[in-house]
């Protein structure tokens, strides 16, 4: 269950959300100054076992996974409002590959540069990467740390939509699951949540 709350503090706002994970809570605390860059974000990531259960429930099985949910999600287009909000500060290009992706994949261009946003169809998860040049490897934007400019605003929008950022360490964890393209011994959480690709985008 996701609880969201907004509190006005004069010229500042404080946004807090909590995602219950068994007896644990994932907490986001974003202190925002109106018109100023996003400040440091502290995130306690989702319990790994809970994440694996979410993945297995979505696919039905890790040995014989079903992918029919992809077509259903594409028809629903659940992130149209998020994309509309992002389009006010960046050009949004939908690059979702229906053959490999189990996520919505967006390239975002702005005066700050190029970002790649992936929003999972498996669960309410997202990753954000910086792209230095066309065809270049992406640089992972970790949930913690400082977020500035357009990058910070987009990160904030995703969290406000109830999406949970997944860190690089979690993405790189192996998972025993059969995919179409990725060899079984190379399948990682990123593949299960976002796309069936043998190499991770930042490798």
N, C-alpha and C. Protein backbone atom coordinates (compact mmCIF):
# COMPACT_ATOMS: atom_id res chain seq x y z
N UNK A 1 0.86 -1.19 0.00
CA UNK A 1 0.00 0.00 0.00
C UNK A 1 0.89 1.23 0.00
N UNK A 2 0.60 2.16 -0.85
CA UNK A 2 1.41 3.37 -0.98
C UNK A 2 0.66 4.54 -0.39
N UNK A 3 1.31 5.22 0.55
CA UNK A 3 0.69 6.38 1.18
C UNK A 3 1.46 7.62 0.75
N UNK A 4 0.76 8.60 0.21
CA UNK A 4 1.40 9.83 -0.24
C UNK A 4 0.86 11.00 0.55
N UNK A 5 1.73 11.94 0.81
CA UNK A 5 1.27 13.13 1.51
C UNK A 5 2.07 14.34 1.07
N UNK A 6 1.42 15.48 0.94
CA UNK A 6 2.08 16.74 0.60
C UNK A 6 1.78 17.75 1.71
N UNK A 7 2.83 18.44 2.13
CA UNK A 7 2.66 19.42 3.20
C UNK A 7 3.33 20.74 2.80
N UNK A 8 2.59 21.79 2.86
CA UNK A 8 3.15 23.09 2.54
C UNK A 8 3.89 23.67 3.74
N UNK A 9 5.10 24.16 3.53
CA UNK A 9 5.89 24.76 4.58
C UNK A 9 6.38 26.12 4.09
N UNK A 10 5.50 27.11 4.06
CA UNK A 10 5.86 28.43 3.55
C UNK A 10 6.24 28.32 2.10
N UNK A 11 7.51 28.70 1.78
CA UNK A 11 7.98 28.65 0.41
C UNK A 11 8.56 27.29 0.07
N UNK A 12 8.52 26.32 1.02
CA UNK A 12 9.07 25.00 0.79
C UNK A 12 7.96 23.97 0.86
N UNK A 13 8.22 22.83 0.21
CA UNK A 13 7.29 21.73 0.28
C UNK A 13 8.05 20.50 0.74
N UNK A 14 7.39 19.64 1.42
CA UNK A 14 7.99 18.37 1.82
C UNK A 14 7.09 17.26 1.32
N UNK A 15 7.66 16.38 0.51
CA UNK A 15 6.90 15.27 -0.06
C UNK A 15 7.38 13.98 0.58
N UNK A 16 6.47 13.20 1.12
CA UNK A 16 6.84 11.95 1.74
C UNK A 16 5.93 10.84 1.23
N UNK A 17 6.52 9.68 0.95
CA UNK A 17 5.72 8.51 0.61
C UNK A 17 6.32 7.30 1.29
N UNK A 18 5.48 6.36 1.60
CA UNK A 18 5.95 5.12 2.22
C UNK A 18 5.31 3.95 1.50
N UNK A 19 6.11 2.96 1.20
CA UNK A 19 5.62 1.74 0.59
C UNK A 19 5.85 0.61 1.58
N UNK A 20 4.79 0.01 2.07
CA UNK A 20 4.94 -1.04 3.06
C UNK A 20 5.48 -2.30 2.40
N UNK A 21 6.50 -2.90 2.97
CA UNK A 21 7.11 -4.12 2.47
C UNK A 21 7.17 -5.09 3.64
N UNK A 22 6.12 -5.94 3.78
CA UNK A 22 6.05 -6.81 4.93
C UNK A 22 6.01 -5.95 6.18
N UNK A 23 6.99 -6.12 7.05
CA UNK A 23 7.05 -5.33 8.27
C UNK A 23 7.98 -4.14 8.11
N UNK A 24 8.51 -3.96 6.91
CA UNK A 24 9.43 -2.86 6.66
C UNK A 24 8.72 -1.77 5.86
N UNK A 25 9.31 -0.61 5.83
CA UNK A 25 8.80 0.49 5.03
C UNK A 25 9.89 0.98 4.09
N UNK A 26 9.53 1.24 2.86
CA UNK A 26 10.42 1.99 1.98
C UNK A 26 10.05 3.45 2.15
N UNK A 27 11.02 4.26 2.38
CA UNK A 27 10.74 5.66 2.65
C UNK A 27 11.43 6.56 1.64
N UNK A 28 10.70 7.54 1.17
CA UNK A 28 11.26 8.60 0.35
C UNK A 28 11.02 9.90 1.09
N UNK A 29 12.06 10.69 1.25
CA UNK A 29 11.87 12.01 1.82
C UNK A 29 12.51 13.00 0.88
N UNK A 30 11.70 13.77 0.23
CA UNK A 30 12.18 14.75 -0.73
C UNK A 30 11.89 16.14 -0.18
N UNK A 31 12.91 16.89 0.09
CA UNK A 31 12.74 18.28 0.49
C UNK A 31 12.95 19.13 -0.74
N UNK A 32 11.93 19.83 -1.12
CA UNK A 32 11.95 20.59 -2.35
C UNK A 32 11.85 22.08 -2.06
N UNK A 33 12.69 22.85 -2.69
CA UNK A 33 12.55 24.30 -2.64
C UNK A 33 11.87 24.73 -3.94
N UNK A 34 10.87 25.52 -3.82
CA UNK A 34 10.13 25.93 -5.00
C UNK A 34 11.06 26.61 -6.00
N UNK A 35 11.16 26.02 -7.20
CA UNK A 35 11.98 26.61 -8.24
C UNK A 35 13.45 26.30 -8.13
N UNK A 36 13.86 25.51 -7.12
CA UNK A 36 15.26 25.19 -6.93
C UNK A 36 15.49 23.70 -7.24
N UNK A 37 16.75 23.30 -7.48
CA UNK A 37 17.02 21.90 -7.79
C UNK A 37 16.61 20.97 -6.66
N UNK A 38 16.28 19.73 -7.01
CA UNK A 38 15.91 18.73 -6.04
C UNK A 38 17.08 18.45 -5.11
N UNK A 39 16.81 18.30 -3.81
CA UNK A 39 17.85 18.05 -2.83
C UNK A 39 18.10 16.55 -2.71
N UNK A 40 18.99 16.18 -1.76
CA UNK A 40 19.37 14.79 -1.60
C UNK A 40 18.16 13.92 -1.26
N UNK A 41 18.10 12.74 -1.87
CA UNK A 41 17.00 11.81 -1.66
C UNK A 41 17.54 10.58 -0.95
N UNK A 42 16.94 10.20 0.18
CA UNK A 42 17.34 9.01 0.90
C UNK A 42 16.31 7.92 0.67
N UNK A 43 16.77 6.75 0.20
CA UNK A 43 15.85 5.69 -0.18
C UNK A 43 16.28 4.38 0.46
N UNK A 44 15.36 3.71 1.11
CA UNK A 44 15.59 2.34 1.55
C UNK A 44 14.89 1.45 0.54
N UNK A 45 15.67 0.66 -0.22
CA UNK A 45 15.10 -0.05 -1.35
C UNK A 45 14.24 -1.23 -0.91
N UNK A 46 13.41 -1.68 -1.84
CA UNK A 46 12.46 -2.75 -1.54
C UNK A 46 13.18 -4.05 -1.21
N UNK A 47 12.61 -4.78 -0.29
CA UNK A 47 13.14 -6.08 0.10
C UNK A 47 13.27 -6.98 -1.13
N UNK A 48 14.44 -7.64 -1.26
CA UNK A 48 14.73 -8.42 -2.47
C UNK A 48 13.75 -9.58 -2.62
N UNK A 49 13.42 -10.26 -1.53
CA UNK A 49 12.50 -11.40 -1.61
C UNK A 49 11.12 -10.94 -2.07
N UNK A 50 10.70 -9.80 -1.57
CA UNK A 50 9.40 -9.25 -1.97
C UNK A 50 9.41 -8.93 -3.47
N UNK A 51 10.53 -8.37 -3.95
CA UNK A 51 10.66 -8.04 -5.35
C UNK A 51 10.57 -9.30 -6.21
N UNK A 52 11.23 -10.37 -5.79
CA UNK A 52 11.19 -11.63 -6.54
C UNK A 52 9.78 -12.21 -6.56
N UNK A 53 9.06 -12.08 -5.47
CA UNK A 53 7.68 -12.58 -5.44
C UNK A 53 6.80 -11.79 -6.40
N UNK A 54 7.04 -10.48 -6.49
CA UNK A 54 6.29 -9.64 -7.43
C UNK A 54 6.56 -10.07 -8.86
N UNK A 55 7.83 -10.33 -9.17
CA UNK A 55 8.21 -10.76 -10.51
C UNK A 55 7.54 -12.09 -10.86
N UNK A 56 7.63 -13.06 -9.95
CA UNK A 56 7.05 -14.38 -10.22
C UNK A 56 5.54 -14.31 -10.37
N UNK A 57 4.89 -13.48 -9.56
CA UNK A 57 3.44 -13.34 -9.65
C UNK A 57 3.03 -12.76 -11.00
N UNK A 58 3.81 -11.82 -11.51
CA UNK A 58 3.47 -11.16 -12.77
C UNK A 58 3.63 -12.11 -13.95
N UNK A 59 4.71 -12.89 -13.94
CA UNK A 59 4.99 -13.82 -15.04
C UNK A 59 4.26 -15.15 -14.90
N UNK A 60 3.76 -15.43 -13.71
CA UNK A 60 3.08 -16.70 -13.49
C UNK A 60 4.04 -17.82 -13.13
N UNK A 61 5.25 -17.76 -13.67
CA UNK A 61 6.27 -18.77 -13.42
C UNK A 61 7.61 -18.22 -13.89
N UNK A 62 8.69 -18.57 -13.19
CA UNK A 62 10.02 -18.17 -13.63
C UNK A 62 10.61 -19.18 -14.60
N UNK A 63 10.04 -20.37 -14.64
CA UNK A 63 10.51 -21.43 -15.54
C UNK A 63 9.78 -21.35 -16.87
N UNK A 64 8.47 -21.08 -16.82
CA UNK A 64 7.67 -20.92 -18.04
C UNK A 64 6.91 -19.59 -17.95
N UNK A 65 7.65 -18.50 -18.05
CA UNK A 65 7.00 -17.18 -17.87
C UNK A 65 6.05 -16.84 -19.01
N UNK A 66 4.99 -16.13 -18.66
CA UNK A 66 4.03 -15.62 -19.64
C UNK A 66 4.30 -14.13 -19.84
N UNK A 67 4.14 -13.69 -21.09
CA UNK A 67 4.41 -12.29 -21.42
C UNK A 67 3.18 -11.57 -21.96
N UNK A 68 2.01 -12.19 -21.80
CA UNK A 68 0.79 -11.58 -22.35
C UNK A 68 0.42 -10.27 -21.65
N UNK A 69 0.96 -10.04 -20.45
CA UNK A 69 0.66 -8.80 -19.75
C UNK A 69 1.21 -7.58 -20.48
N UNK A 70 2.23 -7.79 -21.33
CA UNK A 70 2.84 -6.67 -22.06
C UNK A 70 1.81 -6.03 -22.99
N UNK A 71 1.10 -6.84 -23.74
CA UNK A 71 0.08 -6.32 -24.67
C UNK A 71 -1.02 -5.59 -23.91
N UNK A 72 -1.40 -6.14 -22.77
CA UNK A 72 -2.44 -5.51 -21.95
C UNK A 72 -2.00 -4.13 -21.48
N UNK A 73 -0.76 -4.03 -20.99
CA UNK A 73 -0.25 -2.76 -20.48
C UNK A 73 -0.09 -1.74 -21.60
N UNK A 74 0.34 -2.18 -22.76
CA UNK A 74 0.50 -1.26 -23.89
C UNK A 74 -0.84 -0.64 -24.27
N UNK A 75 -1.91 -1.42 -24.23
CA UNK A 75 -3.23 -0.91 -24.57
C UNK A 75 -3.72 0.08 -23.51
N UNK A 76 -3.37 -0.18 -22.26
CA UNK A 76 -3.82 0.70 -21.16
C UNK A 76 -3.09 2.03 -21.16
N UNK A 77 -1.82 2.02 -21.59
CA UNK A 77 -1.00 3.24 -21.59
C UNK A 77 -1.12 3.96 -20.24
N UNK A 78 -0.72 3.31 -19.15
CA UNK A 78 -0.97 3.87 -17.83
C UNK A 78 -0.15 5.10 -17.46
N UNK A 79 0.88 5.40 -18.24
CA UNK A 79 1.76 6.51 -17.89
C UNK A 79 1.62 7.71 -18.83
N UNK A 80 0.47 7.78 -19.48
CA UNK A 80 0.22 8.89 -20.40
C UNK A 80 0.28 10.24 -19.68
N UNK A 81 -0.29 10.30 -18.48
CA UNK A 81 -0.28 11.55 -17.73
C UNK A 81 1.13 11.92 -17.30
N UNK A 82 1.92 10.93 -16.88
CA UNK A 82 3.30 11.18 -16.50
C UNK A 82 4.08 11.73 -17.69
N UNK A 83 3.90 11.13 -18.84
CA UNK A 83 4.59 11.61 -20.05
C UNK A 83 4.17 13.02 -20.41
N UNK A 84 2.88 13.32 -20.20
CA UNK A 84 2.39 14.67 -20.50
C UNK A 84 3.06 15.69 -19.59
N UNK A 85 3.23 15.33 -18.33
CA UNK A 85 3.89 16.23 -17.37
C UNK A 85 5.36 16.42 -17.75
N UNK A 86 6.02 15.32 -18.09
CA UNK A 86 7.44 15.41 -18.46
C UNK A 86 7.62 16.23 -19.73
N UNK A 87 6.65 16.14 -20.65
CA UNK A 87 6.77 16.84 -21.93
C UNK A 87 6.80 18.36 -21.78
N UNK A 88 6.45 18.86 -20.60
CA UNK A 88 6.51 20.30 -20.36
C UNK A 88 7.94 20.78 -20.15
N UNK A 89 8.84 19.85 -19.83
CA UNK A 89 10.23 20.25 -19.58
C UNK A 89 11.22 19.49 -20.47
N UNK A 90 10.73 18.47 -21.21
CA UNK A 90 11.63 17.69 -22.06
C UNK A 90 10.83 17.06 -23.20
N UNK A 91 11.50 16.85 -24.32
CA UNK A 91 10.88 16.15 -25.44
C UNK A 91 10.83 14.66 -25.11
N UNK A 92 9.65 14.06 -25.21
CA UNK A 92 9.46 12.66 -24.86
C UNK A 92 9.32 11.82 -26.13
N UNK A 93 10.20 10.84 -26.28
CA UNK A 93 10.15 9.94 -27.43
C UNK A 93 9.96 8.51 -26.92
N UNK A 94 8.87 7.87 -27.33
CA UNK A 94 8.57 6.51 -26.89
C UNK A 94 9.36 5.52 -27.74
N UNK A 95 10.30 4.82 -27.11
CA UNK A 95 11.14 3.86 -27.81
C UNK A 95 10.89 2.43 -27.33
N UNK A 96 9.70 2.19 -26.81
CA UNK A 96 9.37 0.86 -26.31
C UNK A 96 9.46 -0.17 -27.43
N UNK A 97 10.22 -1.24 -27.19
CA UNK A 97 10.40 -2.33 -28.14
C UNK A 97 9.51 -3.48 -27.70
N UNK A 98 8.43 -3.71 -28.45
CA UNK A 98 7.45 -4.73 -28.04
C UNK A 98 8.01 -6.13 -28.12
N UNK A 99 9.13 -6.32 -28.80
CA UNK A 99 9.73 -7.65 -28.92
C UNK A 99 10.58 -8.01 -27.70
N UNK A 100 11.21 -7.03 -27.08
CA UNK A 100 12.15 -7.30 -25.99
C UNK A 100 11.76 -6.68 -24.66
N UNK A 101 11.07 -5.55 -24.69
CA UNK A 101 10.83 -4.80 -23.46
C UNK A 101 9.64 -5.34 -22.67
N UNK A 102 9.78 -5.30 -21.36
CA UNK A 102 8.65 -5.50 -20.45
C UNK A 102 8.51 -4.21 -19.63
N UNK A 103 8.79 -3.12 -20.31
CA UNK A 103 8.70 -1.80 -19.70
C UNK A 103 8.32 -0.79 -20.76
N UNK A 104 7.92 0.39 -20.31
CA UNK A 104 7.76 1.53 -21.20
C UNK A 104 9.10 2.24 -21.23
N UNK A 105 9.60 2.47 -22.41
CA UNK A 105 10.95 3.04 -22.56
C UNK A 105 10.85 4.40 -23.26
N UNK A 106 11.35 5.43 -22.58
CA UNK A 106 11.24 6.79 -23.09
C UNK A 106 12.62 7.47 -23.14
N UNK A 107 12.90 8.09 -24.29
CA UNK A 107 14.08 8.94 -24.39
C UNK A 107 13.63 10.38 -24.18
N UNK A 108 14.29 11.06 -23.26
CA UNK A 108 13.89 12.40 -22.86
C UNK A 108 15.00 13.39 -23.21
N UNK A 109 14.69 14.34 -24.08
CA UNK A 109 15.68 15.34 -24.50
C UNK A 109 15.30 16.70 -23.93
N UNK A 110 16.31 17.36 -23.37
CA UNK A 110 16.08 18.71 -22.84
C UNK A 110 17.36 19.50 -22.98
N UNK A 111 17.33 20.73 -22.52
CA UNK A 111 18.53 21.57 -22.56
C UNK A 111 19.62 21.02 -21.64
N UNK A 112 19.24 20.16 -20.71
CA UNK A 112 20.21 19.54 -19.80
C UNK A 112 20.87 18.31 -20.39
N UNK A 113 20.38 17.83 -21.55
CA UNK A 113 20.94 16.63 -22.16
C UNK A 113 19.87 15.58 -22.39
N UNK A 114 20.31 14.32 -22.49
CA UNK A 114 19.41 13.22 -22.81
C UNK A 114 19.35 12.24 -21.64
N UNK A 115 18.14 11.86 -21.28
CA UNK A 115 17.90 10.86 -20.24
C UNK A 115 17.09 9.72 -20.83
N UNK A 116 17.26 8.54 -20.25
CA UNK A 116 16.49 7.38 -20.68
C UNK A 116 15.71 6.89 -19.47
N UNK A 117 14.38 6.91 -19.59
CA UNK A 117 13.50 6.49 -18.51
C UNK A 117 12.84 5.17 -18.88
N UNK A 118 12.96 4.19 -18.00
CA UNK A 118 12.27 2.92 -18.18
C UNK A 118 11.32 2.70 -17.01
N UNK A 119 10.05 2.45 -17.32
CA UNK A 119 9.03 2.21 -16.31
C UNK A 119 8.50 0.79 -16.51
N UNK A 120 8.70 -0.06 -15.52
CA UNK A 120 8.38 -1.48 -15.66
C UNK A 120 6.89 -1.74 -15.82
N UNK A 121 6.56 -2.77 -16.59
CA UNK A 121 5.19 -3.27 -16.68
C UNK A 121 4.97 -4.39 -15.66
N UNK A 122 6.04 -4.84 -15.03
CA UNK A 122 5.97 -5.94 -14.06
C UNK A 122 5.45 -5.46 -12.72
N UNK A 123 5.88 -4.26 -12.33
CA UNK A 123 5.47 -3.66 -11.08
C UNK A 123 5.73 -2.16 -11.14
N UNK A 124 5.46 -1.43 -10.08
CA UNK A 124 5.60 0.04 -10.10
C UNK A 124 7.05 0.50 -9.91
N UNK A 125 7.92 0.10 -10.82
CA UNK A 125 9.35 0.35 -10.68
C UNK A 125 9.88 1.14 -11.88
N UNK A 126 10.94 1.92 -11.63
CA UNK A 126 11.56 2.66 -12.74
C UNK A 126 13.05 2.78 -12.53
N UNK A 127 13.77 2.99 -13.65
CA UNK A 127 15.19 3.34 -13.64
C UNK A 127 15.38 4.52 -14.57
N UNK A 128 16.38 5.34 -14.25
CA UNK A 128 16.69 6.53 -15.05
C UNK A 128 18.17 6.51 -15.35
N UNK A 129 18.53 6.79 -16.62
CA UNK A 129 19.93 6.82 -17.01
C UNK A 129 20.24 8.08 -17.79
N UNK A 130 21.47 8.56 -17.65
CA UNK A 130 21.96 9.68 -18.45
C UNK A 130 22.63 9.13 -19.69
N UNK A 131 22.36 9.75 -20.83
CA UNK A 131 22.97 9.33 -22.09
C UNK A 131 23.84 10.47 -22.60
N UNK A 132 25.14 10.23 -22.71
CA UNK A 132 26.07 11.29 -23.13
C UNK A 132 25.97 11.56 -24.62
N UNK A 133 25.79 10.49 -25.42
CA UNK A 133 25.72 10.64 -26.87
C UNK A 133 24.93 9.47 -27.44
N UNK A 134 24.44 9.64 -28.66
CA UNK A 134 23.66 8.61 -29.33
C UNK A 134 24.49 7.33 -29.45
N UNK A 135 23.95 6.24 -28.96
CA UNK A 135 24.65 4.96 -29.04
C UNK A 135 25.60 4.70 -27.89
N UNK A 136 25.81 5.71 -27.02
CA UNK A 136 26.73 5.55 -25.90
C UNK A 136 26.06 4.79 -24.77
N UNK A 137 26.88 4.18 -23.90
CA UNK A 137 26.36 3.50 -22.73
C UNK A 137 25.75 4.51 -21.78
N UNK A 138 24.69 4.11 -21.10
CA UNK A 138 24.07 5.01 -20.15
C UNK A 138 24.78 5.01 -18.81
N UNK A 139 24.67 6.12 -18.10
CA UNK A 139 25.18 6.24 -16.73
C UNK A 139 23.98 6.17 -15.80
N UNK A 140 24.02 5.20 -14.91
CA UNK A 140 22.89 4.93 -14.03
C UNK A 140 22.68 6.10 -13.06
N UNK A 141 21.45 6.54 -12.94
CA UNK A 141 21.09 7.57 -11.94
C UNK A 141 20.61 6.83 -10.70
N UNK A 142 21.46 6.81 -9.66
CA UNK A 142 21.11 6.09 -8.44
C UNK A 142 20.01 6.82 -7.68
N UNK A 143 19.14 6.08 -6.99
CA UNK A 143 18.06 6.72 -6.22
C UNK A 143 18.58 7.70 -5.18
N UNK A 144 19.68 7.41 -4.51
CA UNK A 144 20.24 8.32 -3.54
C UNK A 144 21.10 9.37 -4.22
N UNK A 145 21.53 10.35 -3.45
CA UNK A 145 22.40 11.39 -4.01
C UNK A 145 21.62 12.59 -4.48
N UNK A 146 22.33 13.55 -5.01
CA UNK A 146 21.73 14.80 -5.45
C UNK A 146 21.14 14.68 -6.84
N UNK A 147 20.00 15.26 -7.04
CA UNK A 147 19.35 15.32 -8.34
C UNK A 147 19.17 16.79 -8.68
N UNK A 148 19.67 17.20 -9.84
CA UNK A 148 19.61 18.60 -10.20
C UNK A 148 18.86 18.81 -11.51
N UNK A 149 18.35 20.01 -11.70
CA UNK A 149 17.75 20.41 -12.96
C UNK A 149 16.63 19.51 -13.42
N UNK A 150 16.59 19.25 -14.73
CA UNK A 150 15.55 18.44 -15.34
C UNK A 150 15.57 17.02 -14.79
N UNK A 151 16.75 16.48 -14.58
CA UNK A 151 16.88 15.13 -14.02
C UNK A 151 16.14 15.02 -12.68
N UNK A 152 16.35 16.01 -11.83
CA UNK A 152 15.69 16.00 -10.54
C UNK A 152 14.17 16.13 -10.64
N UNK A 153 13.73 16.98 -11.56
CA UNK A 153 12.28 17.16 -11.74
C UNK A 153 11.62 15.89 -12.24
N UNK A 154 12.27 15.19 -13.18
CA UNK A 154 11.71 13.95 -13.72
C UNK A 154 11.68 12.87 -12.65
N UNK A 155 12.76 12.78 -11.87
CA UNK A 155 12.79 11.81 -10.78
C UNK A 155 11.65 12.07 -9.80
N UNK A 156 11.46 13.34 -9.49
CA UNK A 156 10.38 13.73 -8.58
C UNK A 156 9.02 13.34 -9.14
N UNK A 157 8.79 13.61 -10.42
CA UNK A 157 7.51 13.27 -11.04
C UNK A 157 7.22 11.78 -10.96
N UNK A 158 8.24 10.96 -11.19
CA UNK A 158 8.06 9.51 -11.15
C UNK A 158 7.67 9.05 -9.75
N UNK A 159 8.35 9.57 -8.73
CA UNK A 159 8.04 9.21 -7.35
C UNK A 159 6.64 9.66 -6.98
N UNK A 160 6.25 10.85 -7.42
CA UNK A 160 4.91 11.36 -7.12
C UNK A 160 3.83 10.53 -7.79
N UNK A 161 4.18 9.83 -8.87
CA UNK A 161 3.23 8.94 -9.54
C UNK A 161 3.12 7.60 -8.82
N UNK A 162 3.88 7.43 -7.74
CA UNK A 162 3.83 6.17 -6.99
C UNK A 162 4.82 5.14 -7.48
N UNK A 163 5.77 5.56 -8.35
CA UNK A 163 6.76 4.63 -8.88
C UNK A 163 7.96 4.54 -7.94
N UNK A 164 8.56 3.37 -7.89
CA UNK A 164 9.66 3.08 -6.98
C UNK A 164 10.97 2.97 -7.77
N UNK A 165 11.99 3.76 -7.43
CA UNK A 165 13.27 3.65 -8.15
C UNK A 165 14.02 2.39 -7.74
N UNK A 166 14.61 1.72 -8.72
CA UNK A 166 15.41 0.53 -8.47
C UNK A 166 16.88 0.89 -8.65
N UNK A 167 17.71 0.54 -7.66
CA UNK A 167 19.12 0.90 -7.74
C UNK A 167 19.90 -0.09 -8.60
N UNK A 168 21.11 0.30 -8.94
CA UNK A 168 21.93 -0.51 -9.84
C UNK A 168 22.27 -1.86 -9.23
N UNK A 169 22.59 -1.88 -7.95
CA UNK A 169 22.94 -3.15 -7.31
C UNK A 169 21.81 -4.16 -7.43
N UNK A 170 20.58 -3.70 -7.21
CA UNK A 170 19.43 -4.59 -7.33
C UNK A 170 19.24 -5.05 -8.77
N UNK A 171 19.40 -4.13 -9.72
CA UNK A 171 19.25 -4.48 -11.14
C UNK A 171 20.23 -5.57 -11.56
N UNK A 172 21.42 -5.56 -10.98
CA UNK A 172 22.48 -6.48 -11.40
C UNK A 172 22.42 -7.83 -10.70
N UNK A 173 21.51 -8.01 -9.76
CA UNK A 173 21.42 -9.28 -9.07
C UNK A 173 20.89 -10.37 -10.00
N UNK A 174 21.51 -11.56 -9.97
CA UNK A 174 21.04 -12.67 -10.82
C UNK A 174 19.70 -13.20 -10.32
N UNK A 175 18.92 -13.73 -11.25
CA UNK A 175 17.64 -14.33 -10.93
C UNK A 175 17.48 -15.58 -11.79
N UNK A 176 17.02 -16.67 -11.19
CA UNK A 176 16.83 -17.92 -11.93
C UNK A 176 15.52 -17.84 -12.69
N UNK A 177 15.63 -17.45 -13.96
CA UNK A 177 14.44 -17.24 -14.78
C UNK A 177 14.81 -17.45 -16.24
N UNK A 178 13.89 -18.00 -17.00
CA UNK A 178 14.12 -18.22 -18.43
C UNK A 178 13.57 -17.06 -19.24
N UNK A 179 14.42 -16.50 -20.10
CA UNK A 179 14.02 -15.43 -21.01
C UNK A 179 14.26 -15.92 -22.44
N UNK A 180 13.82 -15.15 -23.43
CA UNK A 180 14.00 -15.55 -24.81
C UNK A 180 15.42 -15.32 -25.31
N UNK A 181 15.98 -14.15 -25.04
CA UNK A 181 17.28 -13.79 -25.60
C UNK A 181 18.43 -14.01 -24.63
N UNK A 182 18.24 -13.62 -23.40
CA UNK A 182 19.32 -13.67 -22.42
C UNK A 182 19.57 -15.10 -21.98
N UNK A 183 20.83 -15.51 -21.97
CA UNK A 183 21.19 -16.85 -21.51
C UNK A 183 20.80 -17.01 -20.04
N UNK A 184 20.31 -18.19 -19.66
CA UNK A 184 19.81 -18.40 -18.28
C UNK A 184 20.79 -17.97 -17.19
N UNK A 185 22.07 -18.22 -17.40
CA UNK A 185 23.06 -17.88 -16.38
C UNK A 185 23.34 -16.38 -16.30
N UNK A 186 22.82 -15.62 -17.27
CA UNK A 186 23.07 -14.17 -17.30
C UNK A 186 21.81 -13.34 -16.98
N UNK A 187 20.70 -13.99 -16.71
CA UNK A 187 19.47 -13.25 -16.42
C UNK A 187 19.59 -12.56 -15.06
N UNK A 188 19.28 -11.28 -15.04
CA UNK A 188 19.33 -10.49 -13.82
C UNK A 188 18.00 -9.77 -13.60
N UNK A 189 17.87 -9.19 -12.44
CA UNK A 189 16.62 -8.54 -12.08
C UNK A 189 16.23 -7.49 -13.12
N UNK A 190 17.21 -6.78 -13.66
CA UNK A 190 16.93 -5.78 -14.68
C UNK A 190 16.20 -6.40 -15.87
N UNK A 191 16.62 -7.59 -16.30
CA UNK A 191 15.97 -8.26 -17.42
C UNK A 191 14.52 -8.58 -17.11
N UNK A 192 14.28 -9.06 -15.90
CA UNK A 192 12.92 -9.43 -15.52
C UNK A 192 12.01 -8.22 -15.39
N UNK A 193 12.55 -7.09 -14.97
CA UNK A 193 11.73 -5.90 -14.76
C UNK A 193 11.60 -5.00 -15.96
N UNK A 194 12.64 -5.01 -16.85
CA UNK A 194 12.67 -3.98 -17.89
C UNK A 194 12.84 -4.50 -19.31
N UNK A 195 13.85 -5.28 -19.59
CA UNK A 195 14.04 -5.69 -20.98
C UNK A 195 14.91 -6.94 -21.09
N UNK A 196 14.62 -7.76 -22.08
CA UNK A 196 15.35 -9.00 -22.33
C UNK A 196 16.55 -8.68 -23.22
N UNK A 197 17.66 -8.28 -22.60
CA UNK A 197 18.88 -7.93 -23.33
C UNK A 197 20.07 -8.53 -22.60
N UNK A 198 20.95 -9.18 -23.35
CA UNK A 198 22.06 -9.90 -22.73
C UNK A 198 23.02 -8.96 -22.00
N UNK A 199 23.18 -7.74 -22.53
CA UNK A 199 24.03 -6.75 -21.88
C UNK A 199 23.17 -5.67 -21.23
N UNK A 200 23.54 -5.28 -20.03
CA UNK A 200 22.84 -4.18 -19.38
C UNK A 200 23.25 -2.86 -20.02
N UNK A 201 22.35 -1.88 -20.09
CA UNK A 201 22.62 -0.63 -20.84
C UNK A 201 23.85 0.13 -20.37
N UNK A 202 24.27 -0.05 -19.14
CA UNK A 202 25.43 0.67 -18.61
C UNK A 202 26.71 -0.16 -18.69
N UNK A 203 26.64 -1.37 -19.23
CA UNK A 203 27.83 -2.21 -19.34
C UNK A 203 28.60 -1.90 -20.62
